[in-house]
């Protein structure tokens, strides 16, 4: 387990040294419409798996059990209102093709966008202007909360969130010191990788279209 965690940290260090925050954000914004407007459910599933794999490759923490449970919950909620061809029935509960495909599409879209945000939003992201500064701070808090979500439990959700917010206000997570190993510019190899990710996202869109 220790070696596995070290392997994840190594991948994350490579990811943070290879790309700058603005380049990651721009790539994420370019890839996002390819998933949002993809009309093909199978193609969206592939996009979700692609973003999930990229998160793993970048050393981003992700709990597959929670991801599967959230997706299953979304699908089940959609099945409560059946429409389209009925595939089979379990007592009074009917499984319809339309509701099933819509549930899968919504589930993979939500989780796919979460995976994409983990890749594209980094705590050192800075945007110009007052609005950009506020948005950048929101992204920073979001990134910190994602990285410290193990501190938040269902039994004491509000208390744990309040404690984390207090830590943030007390500058426990100093962005200046944590950004010392992050690059400010993306090199040519980094741009090639980001371009490949964006292009592949849109290739999957046009295949589904």
Protein backbone atom coordinates (compact mmCIF):
# COMPACT_ATOMS: atom_id res chain seq x y z
CA UNK A 1 0.00 0.00 0.00
CA UNK A 2 2.86 2.37 0.85
CA UNK A 3 4.55 1.69 -2.50
CA UNK A 4 1.24 2.29 -4.30
CA UNK A 5 0.78 5.66 -2.55
CA UNK A 6 4.36 6.62 -3.40
CA UNK A 7 3.71 5.67 -7.04
CA UNK A 8 0.67 7.97 -7.03
CA UNK A 9 2.66 10.86 -5.57
CA UNK A 10 5.36 10.38 -8.19
CA UNK A 11 2.80 10.55 -11.01
CA UNK A 12 1.28 13.68 -9.46
CA UNK A 13 4.68 15.38 -9.23
CA UNK A 14 5.33 14.67 -12.92
CA UNK A 15 1.88 16.03 -13.79
CA UNK A 16 2.42 19.24 -11.80
CA UNK A 17 5.88 19.85 -13.28
CA UNK A 18 4.79 19.15 -16.86
CA UNK A 19 1.81 21.53 -17.12
CA UNK A 20 1.04 25.05 -15.94
CA UNK A 21 -2.30 25.90 -14.33
CA UNK A 22 -3.53 28.19 -17.17
CA UNK A 23 -2.73 25.57 -19.82
CA UNK A 24 -4.59 22.89 -17.87
CA UNK A 25 -7.59 25.17 -17.40
CA UNK A 26 -7.68 26.09 -21.10
CA UNK A 27 -7.47 22.42 -22.13
CA UNK A 28 -10.27 21.54 -19.72
CA UNK A 29 -12.52 24.29 -21.10
CA UNK A 30 -11.84 23.12 -24.66
CA UNK A 31 -12.56 19.46 -23.84
CA UNK A 32 -15.67 20.07 -21.71
CA UNK A 33 -18.15 20.86 -24.57
CA UNK A 34 -17.13 17.64 -26.32
CA UNK A 35 -18.69 15.72 -23.44
CA UNK A 36 -21.58 18.04 -22.60
CA UNK A 37 -22.95 18.06 -26.13
CA UNK A 38 -22.18 14.44 -27.02
CA UNK A 39 -25.47 12.80 -28.03
CA UNK A 40 -24.12 9.24 -27.97
CA UNK A 41 -24.32 7.39 -24.64
CA UNK A 42 -21.64 4.79 -25.52
CA UNK A 43 -19.30 7.59 -26.64
CA UNK A 44 -19.89 9.48 -23.37
CA UNK A 45 -19.06 6.33 -21.44
CA UNK A 46 -15.75 6.11 -23.31
CA UNK A 47 -15.05 9.79 -22.60
CA UNK A 48 -15.73 9.23 -18.90
CA UNK A 49 -13.39 6.23 -18.81
CA UNK A 50 -10.77 8.29 -20.67
CA UNK A 51 -10.94 11.13 -18.11
CA UNK A 52 -10.93 8.63 -15.27
CA UNK A 53 -7.77 7.03 -16.68
CA UNK A 54 -6.15 10.47 -17.03
CA UNK A 55 -6.94 11.21 -13.38
CA UNK A 56 -5.24 7.98 -12.37
CA UNK A 57 -2.30 8.74 -14.65
CA UNK A 58 -1.93 12.19 -13.06
CA UNK A 59 -1.92 10.67 -9.57
CA UNK A 60 -5.24 12.26 -8.61
CA UNK A 61 -7.01 10.65 -5.67
CA UNK A 62 -10.29 9.00 -6.54
CA UNK A 63 -12.45 6.46 -4.74
CA UNK A 64 -13.92 4.09 -7.35
CA UNK A 65 -16.47 2.71 -4.86
CA UNK A 66 -17.95 6.16 -4.23
CA UNK A 67 -17.91 6.94 -7.96
CA UNK A 68 -19.79 3.73 -8.78
CA UNK A 69 -22.29 4.28 -5.96
CA UNK A 70 -23.05 7.84 -7.12
CA UNK A 71 -23.50 6.69 -10.70
CA UNK A 72 -25.71 3.79 -9.61
CA UNK A 73 -27.88 6.17 -7.58
CA UNK A 74 -28.37 8.48 -10.57
CA UNK A 75 -29.32 5.55 -12.80
CA UNK A 76 -31.79 4.15 -10.25
CA UNK A 77 -33.47 7.55 -9.84
CA UNK A 78 -33.92 7.78 -13.61
CA UNK A 79 -35.43 4.29 -13.73
CA UNK A 80 -38.23 5.40 -11.39
CA UNK A 81 -39.86 7.21 -14.34
CA UNK A 82 -39.89 4.61 -17.14
CA UNK A 83 -40.26 5.59 -20.77
CA UNK A 84 -39.48 3.89 -24.05
CA UNK A 85 -39.25 0.17 -24.64
CA UNK A 86 -39.68 -1.96 -21.50
CA UNK A 87 -36.70 -4.32 -21.26
CA UNK A 88 -37.90 -6.35 -18.27
CA UNK A 89 -39.91 -6.02 -15.07
CA UNK A 90 -39.16 -6.80 -11.42
CA UNK A 91 -42.62 -7.00 -9.88
CA UNK A 92 -44.23 -3.60 -10.43
CA UNK A 93 -40.85 -2.03 -11.22
CA UNK A 94 -40.25 -1.70 -14.97
CA UNK A 95 -36.81 -1.26 -16.52
CA UNK A 96 -37.25 0.80 -19.68
CA UNK A 97 -34.62 1.39 -22.33
CA UNK A 98 -35.13 5.16 -22.52
CA UNK A 99 -34.83 5.69 -18.77
CA UNK A 100 -31.83 3.38 -18.52
CA UNK A 101 -29.89 5.11 -21.31
CA UNK A 102 -30.75 8.57 -19.93
CA UNK A 103 -29.60 7.52 -16.46
CA UNK A 104 -26.30 6.16 -17.76
CA UNK A 105 -25.75 9.30 -19.84
CA UNK A 106 -26.38 11.64 -16.90
CA UNK A 107 -24.27 9.55 -14.54
CA UNK A 108 -21.20 9.37 -16.78
CA UNK A 109 -21.54 13.05 -17.70
CA UNK A 110 -21.55 14.18 -14.06
CA UNK A 111 -18.64 11.96 -13.05
CA UNK A 112 -16.76 12.69 -16.27
CA UNK A 113 -16.97 16.43 -15.60
CA UNK A 114 -15.77 15.84 -12.03
CA UNK A 115 -12.76 13.92 -13.37
CA UNK A 116 -12.10 16.66 -15.90
CA UNK A 117 -12.27 19.35 -13.21
CA UNK A 118 -9.74 17.45 -11.12
CA UNK A 119 -7.37 17.54 -14.06
CA UNK A 120 -8.03 21.09 -15.25
CA UNK A 121 -8.37 23.01 -11.96
CA UNK A 122 -5.23 23.43 -9.90
CA UNK A 123 -4.73 25.41 -6.70
CA UNK A 124 -2.23 27.82 -8.28
CA UNK A 125 -4.64 28.93 -11.01
CA UNK A 126 -4.70 32.73 -11.29
CA UNK A 127 -7.09 34.64 -13.57
CA UNK A 128 -6.87 38.37 -14.40
CA UNK A 129 -9.15 40.96 -12.82
CA UNK A 130 -11.19 41.07 -9.63
CA UNK A 131 -13.67 38.49 -10.91
CA UNK A 132 -10.80 36.29 -12.05
CA UNK A 133 -9.19 36.53 -8.64
CA UNK A 134 -12.44 35.51 -6.93
CA UNK A 135 -12.92 32.66 -9.39
CA UNK A 136 -9.33 31.54 -8.91
CA UNK A 137 -9.79 31.51 -5.11
CA UNK A 138 -12.96 29.43 -5.56
CA UNK A 139 -11.02 26.96 -7.71
CA UNK A 140 -8.25 26.84 -5.11
CA UNK A 141 -10.71 26.07 -2.30
CA UNK A 142 -12.40 23.47 -4.48
CA UNK A 143 -9.05 21.79 -5.18
CA UNK A 144 -8.10 21.79 -1.48
CA UNK A 145 -11.47 20.36 -0.45
CA UNK A 146 -11.13 17.58 -3.04
CA UNK A 147 -7.65 16.73 -1.79
CA UNK A 148 -8.84 16.70 1.85
CA UNK A 149 -12.24 15.07 1.39
CA UNK A 150 -11.21 12.18 3.69
CA UNK A 151 -11.50 14.67 6.55
CA UNK A 152 -15.22 15.03 5.79
CA UNK A 153 -17.48 12.27 7.12
CA UNK A 154 -21.20 11.71 6.73
CA UNK A 155 -21.68 11.51 10.50
CA UNK A 156 -20.38 15.03 11.08
CA UNK A 157 -20.66 16.62 7.63
CA UNK A 158 -21.28 20.23 8.68
CA UNK A 159 -18.75 20.10 11.53
CA UNK A 160 -16.01 18.69 9.32
CA UNK A 161 -16.71 21.25 6.57
CA UNK A 162 -16.66 24.04 9.15
CA UNK A 163 -13.29 22.83 10.52
CA UNK A 164 -11.84 22.69 7.00
CA UNK A 165 -13.09 26.21 6.24
CA UNK A 166 -11.48 27.44 9.48
CA UNK A 167 -8.18 25.86 8.44
CA UNK A 168 -8.43 27.66 5.10
CA UNK A 169 -9.19 31.01 6.75
CA UNK A 170 -6.26 30.51 9.13
CA UNK A 171 -3.97 29.96 6.11
CA UNK A 172 -3.08 26.42 7.19
CA UNK A 173 -2.89 25.60 3.49
CA UNK A 174 -0.39 28.20 2.31
CA UNK A 175 -0.71 28.43 -1.46
CA UNK A 176 2.63 30.18 -1.90
CA UNK A 177 4.64 27.44 -0.20
CA UNK A 178 2.67 24.65 -1.87
CA UNK A 179 3.25 26.14 -5.31
CA UNK A 180 7.05 26.15 -5.10
CA UNK A 181 7.39 22.97 -7.19
CA UNK A 182 4.73 23.93 -9.77
CA UNK A 183 5.73 25.17 -13.20
CA UNK A 184 4.63 28.59 -14.46
CA UNK A 185 4.92 27.69 -18.14
CA UNK A 186 4.06 24.57 -20.11
CA UNK A 187 6.82 23.19 -22.31
CA UNK A 188 6.34 21.89 -25.85
CA UNK A 189 5.84 18.29 -24.71
CA UNK A 190 3.15 19.43 -22.29
CA UNK A 191 1.30 21.32 -25.03
CA UNK A 192 1.47 18.27 -27.29
CA UNK A 193 -0.06 16.08 -24.57
CA UNK A 194 -2.83 18.59 -23.83
CA UNK A 195 -3.57 18.99 -27.54
CA UNK A 196 -3.82 15.20 -27.87
CA UNK A 197 -6.29 15.04 -24.95
CA UNK A 198 -8.49 17.79 -26.41
CA UNK A 199 -8.40 16.34 -29.93
CA UNK A 200 -9.23 12.83 -28.71
CA UNK A 201 -12.15 14.21 -26.67
CA UNK A 202 -13.59 15.80 -29.80
CA UNK A 203 -12.88 12.72 -31.92
CA UNK A 204 -15.07 10.75 -29.51
CA UNK A 205 -17.71 13.49 -29.84
CA UNK A 206 -17.80 13.28 -33.63
CA UNK A 207 -17.81 9.47 -33.55
CA UNK A 208 -20.89 9.61 -31.32
CA UNK A 209 -22.46 12.40 -33.39
